[in-house]
């Protein structure tokens, strides 16, 4: 994006909640609640707070960026639903970003990187990248077990940090400036939700 563009970025993918505004090529304002939970209650007031601190309104935004997963199912839904609503309301692009790519992007390391998220139950979300100035994916996002992870990490620097809206904003700006326009707008869950709907029971007619 050009320096005159303003991006609102949000992240709720891993329990924490954060929002940031990027404009004129730099972070204008940001806010974060690192403690997990209450994302549905915190996110909109946080967004309005960072807008107010920057002296901006929703109409001043030229794009909305949001991490889409993998991560926590509830957090992904909250963030993406909010981002969709804002982008639709102001008729501006929605930039969906992989949580794993956002984590890798925040690292300053060059060469081979492996972004890792603890998926619990002895499993991990992981994706390899290579940075030689520009970050380029080297694999699809994967769900692997603890035994497989070392082989996937071989020769790469492991990055396992909390994603945040600041990194998402900067990544979105770099992708847009590089000419990318086809961004995902659906959740990237990888693994099925732990909670399942009960199986439908057939109705029994009284005899």
C-alpha atoms as a PDB file:
ATOM      1  CA  UNK A   1       0.000   0.000   0.000  1.00  0.00           C
ATOM      2  CA  UNK A   2       1.049   3.600  -0.457  1.00  0.00           C
ATOM      3  CA  UNK A   3       2.029   5.555   2.636  1.00  0.00           C
ATOM      4  CA  UNK A   4      -1.310   7.415   2.585  1.00  0.00           C
ATOM      5  CA  UNK A   5      -3.221   4.209   3.226  1.00  0.00           C
ATOM      6  CA  UNK A   6      -4.365   3.272   6.723  1.00  0.00           C
ATOM      7  CA  UNK A   7      -4.671  -0.365   7.801  1.00  0.00           C
ATOM      8  CA  UNK A   8      -6.542  -1.552  10.860  1.00  0.00           C
ATOM      9  CA  UNK A   9      -5.136  -4.921  11.971  1.00  0.00           C
ATOM     10  CA  UNK A  10      -6.573  -7.196  14.638  1.00  0.00           C
ATOM     11  CA  UNK A  11      -5.455 -10.463  16.185  1.00  0.00           C
ATOM     12  CA  UNK A  12      -7.471 -12.743  18.454  1.00  0.00           C
ATOM     13  CA  UNK A  13      -6.160 -16.064  17.158  1.00  0.00           C
ATOM     14  CA  UNK A  14      -4.362 -17.380  20.250  1.00  0.00           C
ATOM     15  CA  UNK A  15      -6.178 -16.106  23.318  1.00  0.00           C
ATOM     16  CA  UNK A  16      -4.735 -12.594  23.499  1.00  0.00           C
ATOM     17  CA  UNK A  17      -6.505  -9.634  21.913  1.00  0.00           C
ATOM     18  CA  UNK A  18      -4.754  -6.831  20.039  1.00  0.00           C
ATOM     19  CA  UNK A  19      -5.460  -4.052  17.547  1.00  0.00           C
ATOM     20  CA  UNK A  20      -3.129  -1.720  15.670  1.00  0.00           C
ATOM     21  CA  UNK A  21      -3.293   1.052  13.108  1.00  0.00           C
ATOM     22  CA  UNK A  22      -0.644   1.430  10.419  1.00  0.00           C
ATOM     23  CA  UNK A  23      -0.419   4.569   8.322  1.00  0.00           C
ATOM     24  CA  UNK A  24       2.287   6.524   6.530  1.00  0.00           C
ATOM     25  CA  UNK A  25       4.417   3.389   6.705  1.00  0.00           C
ATOM     26  CA  UNK A  26       4.494   3.199  10.500  1.00  0.00           C
ATOM     27  CA  UNK A  27       2.419   2.042  13.461  1.00  0.00           C
ATOM     28  CA  UNK A  28       0.221   4.929  14.566  1.00  0.00           C
ATOM     29  CA  UNK A  29      -1.426   3.395  17.630  1.00  0.00           C
ATOM     30  CA  UNK A  30      -1.788  -0.047  19.186  1.00  0.00           C
ATOM     31  CA  UNK A  31      -3.430  -1.795  22.117  1.00  0.00           C
ATOM     32  CA  UNK A  32      -3.161  -5.300  23.522  1.00  0.00           C
ATOM     33  CA  UNK A  33      -4.644  -7.476  26.248  1.00  0.00           C
ATOM     34  CA  UNK A  34      -2.251 -10.425  26.662  1.00  0.00           C
ATOM     35  CA  UNK A  35      -4.431 -12.353  29.101  1.00  0.00           C
ATOM     36  CA  UNK A  36      -6.595 -14.926  27.333  1.00  0.00           C
ATOM     37  CA  UNK A  37     -10.375 -14.718  27.242  1.00  0.00           C
ATOM     38  CA  UNK A  38     -13.074 -12.053  26.824  1.00  0.00           C
ATOM     39  CA  UNK A  39     -12.077 -11.329  23.230  1.00  0.00           C
ATOM     40  CA  UNK A  40     -15.673 -10.821  22.117  1.00  0.00           C
ATOM     41  CA  UNK A  41     -16.097  -8.176  24.828  1.00  0.00           C
ATOM     42  CA  UNK A  42     -12.710  -6.482  24.452  1.00  0.00           C
ATOM     43  CA  UNK A  43     -12.134  -6.302  20.713  1.00  0.00           C
ATOM     44  CA  UNK A  44     -14.545  -3.605  19.495  1.00  0.00           C
ATOM     45  CA  UNK A  45     -13.798  -1.153  22.355  1.00  0.00           C
ATOM     46  CA  UNK A  46     -10.081  -1.769  21.723  1.00  0.00           C
ATOM     47  CA  UNK A  47     -10.490  -0.973  18.019  1.00  0.00           C
ATOM     48  CA  UNK A  48     -12.410   2.201  18.796  1.00  0.00           C
ATOM     49  CA  UNK A  49      -9.730   3.185  21.313  1.00  0.00           C
ATOM     50  CA  UNK A  50      -6.858   2.909  18.818  1.00  0.00           C
ATOM     51  CA  UNK A  51      -8.890   4.843  16.237  1.00  0.00           C
ATOM     52  CA  UNK A  52      -9.641   7.609  18.743  1.00  0.00           C
ATOM     53  CA  UNK A  53      -5.988   7.864  19.823  1.00  0.00           C
ATOM     54  CA  UNK A  54      -4.979   8.318  16.181  1.00  0.00           C
ATOM     55  CA  UNK A  55      -7.748  10.873  15.594  1.00  0.00           C
ATOM     56  CA  UNK A  56      -9.304   8.633  12.947  1.00  0.00           C
ATOM     57  CA  UNK A  57     -12.697   7.068  12.240  1.00  0.00           C
ATOM     58  CA  UNK A  58     -13.737   3.865  10.487  1.00  0.00           C
ATOM     59  CA  UNK A  59     -14.285   5.838   7.261  1.00  0.00           C
ATOM     60  CA  UNK A  60     -10.580   6.738   7.208  1.00  0.00           C
ATOM     61  CA  UNK A  61      -9.495   3.099   6.905  1.00  0.00           C
ATOM     62  CA  UNK A  62      -8.414   1.779   3.518  1.00  0.00           C
ATOM     63  CA  UNK A  63      -8.091  -1.886   4.569  1.00  0.00           C
ATOM     64  CA  UNK A  64      -8.747  -4.244   7.472  1.00  0.00           C
ATOM     65  CA  UNK A  65      -6.305  -7.058   8.256  1.00  0.00           C
ATOM     66  CA  UNK A  66      -6.991 -10.049  10.490  1.00  0.00           C
ATOM     67  CA  UNK A  67      -5.271 -13.280  11.457  1.00  0.00           C
ATOM     68  CA  UNK A  68      -7.447 -16.205  10.333  1.00  0.00           C
ATOM     69  CA  UNK A  69      -5.706 -19.119  12.065  1.00  0.00           C
ATOM     70  CA  UNK A  70      -4.653 -21.685  12.862  1.00  0.00           C
ATOM     71  CA  UNK A  71      -5.272 -21.080  16.544  1.00  0.00           C
ATOM     72  CA  UNK A  72      -8.157 -21.044  18.974  1.00  0.00           C
ATOM     73  CA  UNK A  73     -11.520 -21.663  17.329  1.00  0.00           C
ATOM     74  CA  UNK A  74     -13.424 -19.036  19.321  1.00  0.00           C
ATOM     75  CA  UNK A  75     -10.760 -16.363  18.871  1.00  0.00           C
ATOM     76  CA  UNK A  76     -10.542 -16.941  15.125  1.00  0.00           C
ATOM     77  CA  UNK A  77     -14.312 -16.605  14.768  1.00  0.00           C
ATOM     78  CA  UNK A  78     -14.441 -13.431  16.868  1.00  0.00           C
ATOM     79  CA  UNK A  79     -11.619 -11.717  14.989  1.00  0.00           C
ATOM     80  CA  UNK A  80     -12.708 -12.677  11.508  1.00  0.00           C
ATOM     81  CA  UNK A  81     -16.371 -11.829  12.084  1.00  0.00           C
ATOM     82  CA  UNK A  82     -15.423  -8.397  13.418  1.00  0.00           C
ATOM     83  CA  UNK A  83     -12.985  -7.740  10.562  1.00  0.00           C
ATOM     84  CA  UNK A  84     -15.575  -8.802   7.972  1.00  0.00           C
ATOM     85  CA  UNK A  85     -18.209  -6.515   9.453  1.00  0.00           C
ATOM     86  CA  UNK A  86     -15.898  -3.492   9.472  1.00  0.00           C
ATOM     87  CA  UNK A  87     -14.554  -4.126   5.958  1.00  0.00           C
ATOM     88  CA  UNK A  88     -18.073  -4.593   4.607  1.00  0.00           C
ATOM     89  CA  UNK A  89     -19.364  -1.507   6.391  1.00  0.00           C
ATOM     90  CA  UNK A  90     -16.686   0.765   4.896  1.00  0.00           C
ATOM     91  CA  UNK A  91     -16.463  -1.080   1.556  1.00  0.00           C
ATOM     92  CA  UNK A  92     -12.722  -1.689   1.864  1.00  0.00           C
ATOM     93  CA  UNK A  93     -10.570  -4.825   1.407  1.00  0.00           C
ATOM     94  CA  UNK A  94     -10.297  -7.537   4.041  1.00  0.00           C
ATOM     95  CA  UNK A  95      -6.762  -8.935   4.260  1.00  0.00           C
ATOM     96  CA  UNK A  96      -6.752 -12.396   5.838  1.00  0.00           C
ATOM     97  CA  UNK A  97      -3.373 -13.502   7.192  1.00  0.00           C
ATOM     98  CA  UNK A  98      -2.150 -16.879   8.407  1.00  0.00           C
ATOM     99  CA  UNK A  99      -1.252 -16.804  12.090  1.00  0.00           C
ATOM    100  CA  UNK A 100       1.853 -18.870  11.333  1.00  0.00           C
ATOM    101  CA  UNK A 101       3.036 -16.431   8.669  1.00  0.00           C
ATOM    102  CA  UNK A 102       2.403 -13.515  11.027  1.00  0.00           C
ATOM    103  CA  UNK A 103       4.569 -15.196  13.670  1.00  0.00           C
ATOM    104  CA  UNK A 104       7.364 -15.901  11.191  1.00  0.00           C
ATOM    105  CA  UNK A 105       7.173 -12.362   9.804  1.00  0.00           C
ATOM    106  CA  UNK A 106       7.747 -10.891  13.276  1.00  0.00           C
ATOM    107  CA  UNK A 107      11.115 -12.659  13.509  1.00  0.00           C
ATOM    108  CA  UNK A 108      14.120 -10.756  12.184  1.00  0.00           C
ATOM    109  CA  UNK A 109      16.027 -13.971  11.407  1.00  0.00           C
ATOM    110  CA  UNK A 110      17.111 -14.717   7.852  1.00  0.00           C
ATOM    111  CA  UNK A 111      17.252 -18.145   6.206  1.00  0.00           C
ATOM    112  CA  UNK A 112      14.981 -21.072   7.084  1.00  0.00           C
ATOM    113  CA  UNK A 113      12.327 -20.535   9.752  1.00  0.00           C
ATOM    114  CA  UNK A 114       9.731 -22.819  11.310  1.00  0.00           C
ATOM    115  CA  UNK A 115       6.733 -21.072  12.855  1.00  0.00           C
ATOM    116  CA  UNK A 116       5.143 -23.215  15.572  1.00  0.00           C
ATOM    117  CA  UNK A 117       1.927 -22.977  17.592  1.00  0.00           C
ATOM    118  CA  UNK A 118       1.109 -25.380  20.417  1.00  0.00           C
ATOM    119  CA  UNK A 119      -2.180 -27.016  19.397  1.00  0.00           C
ATOM    120  CA  UNK A 120      -2.303 -28.976  22.693  1.00  0.00           C
ATOM    121  CA  UNK A 121      -2.970 -32.711  23.054  1.00  0.00           C
ATOM    122  CA  UNK A 122       0.635 -33.339  21.948  1.00  0.00           C
ATOM    123  CA  UNK A 123       0.108 -31.639  18.589  1.00  0.00           C
ATOM    124  CA  UNK A 124       1.508 -28.538  16.919  1.00  0.00           C
ATOM    125  CA  UNK A 125       0.578 -26.271  14.032  1.00  0.00           C
ATOM    126  CA  UNK A 126       3.729 -25.639  12.031  1.00  0.00           C
ATOM    127  CA  UNK A 127       4.877 -24.133   8.752  1.00  0.00           C
ATOM    128  CA  UNK A 128       8.317 -23.653   7.199  1.00  0.00           C
ATOM    129  CA  UNK A 129       9.383 -20.356   5.639  1.00  0.00           C
ATOM    130  CA  UNK A 130      12.531 -18.972   4.073  1.00  0.00           C
ATOM    131  CA  UNK A 131      13.558 -15.366   4.339  1.00  0.00           C
ATOM    132  CA  UNK A 132      16.122 -13.889   2.027  1.00  0.00           C
ATOM    133  CA  UNK A 133      14.958 -10.330   2.436  1.00  0.00           C
ATOM    134  CA  UNK A 134      11.353 -11.405   1.722  1.00  0.00           C
ATOM    135  CA  UNK A 135       9.493 -14.112   3.657  1.00  0.00           C
ATOM    136  CA  UNK A 136       8.387 -16.990   1.398  1.00  0.00           C
ATOM    137  CA  UNK A 137       6.399 -20.098   2.523  1.00  0.00           C
ATOM    138  CA  UNK A 138       8.196 -23.410   1.989  1.00  0.00           C
ATOM    139  CA  UNK A 139       5.346 -25.685   3.103  1.00  0.00           C
ATOM    140  CA  UNK A 140       1.629 -25.642   3.738  1.00  0.00           C
ATOM    141  CA  UNK A 141       0.401 -25.065   7.318  1.00  0.00           C
ATOM    142  CA  UNK A 142       0.536 -28.481   8.990  1.00  0.00           C
ATOM    143  CA  UNK A 143      -0.735 -30.239  12.088  1.00  0.00           C
ATOM    144  CA  UNK A 144       2.013 -32.509  13.418  1.00  0.00           C
ATOM    145  CA  UNK A 145       2.710 -34.473  16.580  1.00  0.00           C
ATOM    146  CA  UNK A 146       5.647 -33.959  18.932  1.00  0.00           C
ATOM    147  CA  UNK A 147       7.621 -36.802  17.343  1.00  0.00           C
ATOM    148  CA  UNK A 148       7.343 -35.324  13.846  1.00  0.00           C
ATOM    149  CA  UNK A 149       8.167 -31.738  14.804  1.00  0.00           C
ATOM    150  CA  UNK A 150      11.988 -32.129  15.123  1.00  0.00           C
ATOM    151  CA  UNK A 151      12.273 -33.528  11.586  1.00  0.00           C
ATOM    152  CA  UNK A 152      10.197 -30.653  10.220  1.00  0.00           C
ATOM    153  CA  UNK A 153      12.357 -28.172  12.133  1.00  0.00           C
ATOM    154  CA  UNK A 154      15.666 -29.621  10.884  1.00  0.00           C
ATOM    155  CA  UNK A 155      17.957 -26.846   9.674  1.00  0.00           C
ATOM    156  CA  UNK A 156      15.484 -24.080  10.555  1.00  0.00           C
ATOM    157  CA  UNK A 157      15.216 -21.536  13.337  1.00  0.00           C
ATOM    158  CA  UNK A 158      12.083 -22.303  15.361  1.00  0.00           C
ATOM    159  CA  UNK A 159       9.851 -19.309  16.043  1.00  0.00           C
ATOM    160  CA  UNK A 160       7.142 -19.806  18.655  1.00  0.00           C
ATOM    161  CA  UNK A 161       5.860 -16.404  19.711  1.00  0.00           C
ATOM    162  CA  UNK A 162       2.479 -14.852  20.423  1.00  0.00           C
ATOM    163  CA  UNK A 163       1.150 -13.185  17.249  1.00  0.00           C
ATOM    164  CA  UNK A 164      -0.036  -9.594  17.496  1.00  0.00           C
ATOM    165  CA  UNK A 165      -1.794  -6.941  15.469  1.00  0.00           C
ATOM    166  CA  UNK A 166       1.391  -4.903  14.950  1.00  0.00           C
ATOM    167  CA  UNK A 167       3.044  -7.746  13.032  1.00  0.00           C
ATOM    168  CA  UNK A 168      -0.210  -8.386  11.159  1.00  0.00           C
ATOM    169  CA  UNK A 169      -0.428  -4.740  10.088  1.00  0.00           C
ATOM    170  CA  UNK A 170       3.150  -4.701   8.824  1.00  0.00           C
ATOM    171  CA  UNK A 171       2.736  -8.016   7.014  1.00  0.00           C
ATOM    172  CA  UNK A 172      -0.492  -6.824   5.365  1.00  0.00           C
ATOM    173  CA  UNK A 173       1.194  -3.622   4.191  1.00  0.00           C
ATOM    174  CA  UNK A 174       4.144  -5.529   2.733  1.00  0.00           C
ATOM    175  CA  UNK A 175       1.907  -7.991   0.889  1.00  0.00           C
ATOM    176  CA  UNK A 176      -0.254  -5.217  -0.566  1.00  0.00           C
ATOM    177  CA  UNK A 177       2.772  -3.175  -1.605  1.00  0.00           C
ATOM    178  CA  UNK A 178       4.127  -6.298  -3.315  1.00  0.00           C
ATOM    179  CA  UNK A 179       1.007  -6.506  -5.478  1.00  0.00           C
ATOM    180  CA  UNK A 180      -0.843  -9.304  -3.664  1.00  0.00           C
ATOM    181  CA  UNK A 181      -4.624  -8.950  -3.825  1.00  0.00           C
ATOM    182  CA  UNK A 182      -6.038 -12.465  -3.368  1.00  0.00           C
ATOM    183  CA  UNK A 183      -6.366 -12.795   0.396  1.00  0.00           C
ATOM    184  CA  UNK A 184      -8.200 -15.583   2.247  1.00  0.00           C
ATOM    185  CA  UNK A 185     -11.353 -14.554   4.085  1.00  0.00           C
ATOM    186  CA  UNK A 186     -12.271 -17.879   5.709  1.00  0.00           C
ATOM    187  CA  UNK A 187     -10.989 -19.458   8.938  1.00  0.00           C
ATOM    188  CA  UNK A 188      -7.881 -21.628   8.727  1.00  0.00           C
ATOM    189  CA  UNK A 189      -8.665 -24.231  11.386  1.00  0.00           C
ATOM    190  CA  UNK A 190      -6.636 -27.250  10.097  1.00  0.00           C
ATOM    191  CA  UNK A 191      -7.961 -29.399  12.960  1.00  0.00           C
ATOM    192  CA  UNK A 192     -11.611 -30.173  13.607  1.00  0.00           C
ATOM    193  CA  UNK A 193     -13.150 -28.420  16.638  1.00  0.00           C
ATOM    194  CA  UNK A 194     -13.041 -30.349  19.900  1.00  0.00           C
ATOM    195  CA  UNK A 195     -16.711 -29.605  20.560  1.00  0.00           C
ATOM    196  CA  UNK A 196     -19.091 -31.588  18.381  1.00  0.00           C
ATOM    197  CA  UNK A 197     -22.795 -31.128  17.811  1.00  0.00           C
ATOM    198  CA  UNK A 198     -24.821 -34.063  19.094  1.00  0.00           C
ATOM    199  CA  UNK A 199     -25.875 -36.580  16.471  1.00  0.00           C
ATOM    200  CA  UNK A 200     -29.403 -36.100  15.223  1.00  0.00           C
ATOM    201  CA  UNK A 201     -31.820 -38.596  16.653  1.00  0.00           C
ATOM    202  CA  UNK A 202     -34.685 -39.904  14.568  1.00  0.00           C
ATOM    203  CA  UNK A 203     -38.158 -39.118  15.769  1.00  0.00           C
ATOM    204  CA  UNK A 204     -40.123 -42.017  17.077  1.00  0.00           C
ATOM    205  CA  UNK A 205     -43.842 -42.194  16.433  1.00  0.00           C
ATOM    206  CA  UNK A 206     -46.115 -43.302  19.229  1.00  0.00           C
ATOM    207  CA  UNK A 207     -47.763 -46.607  18.499  1.00  0.00           C
END
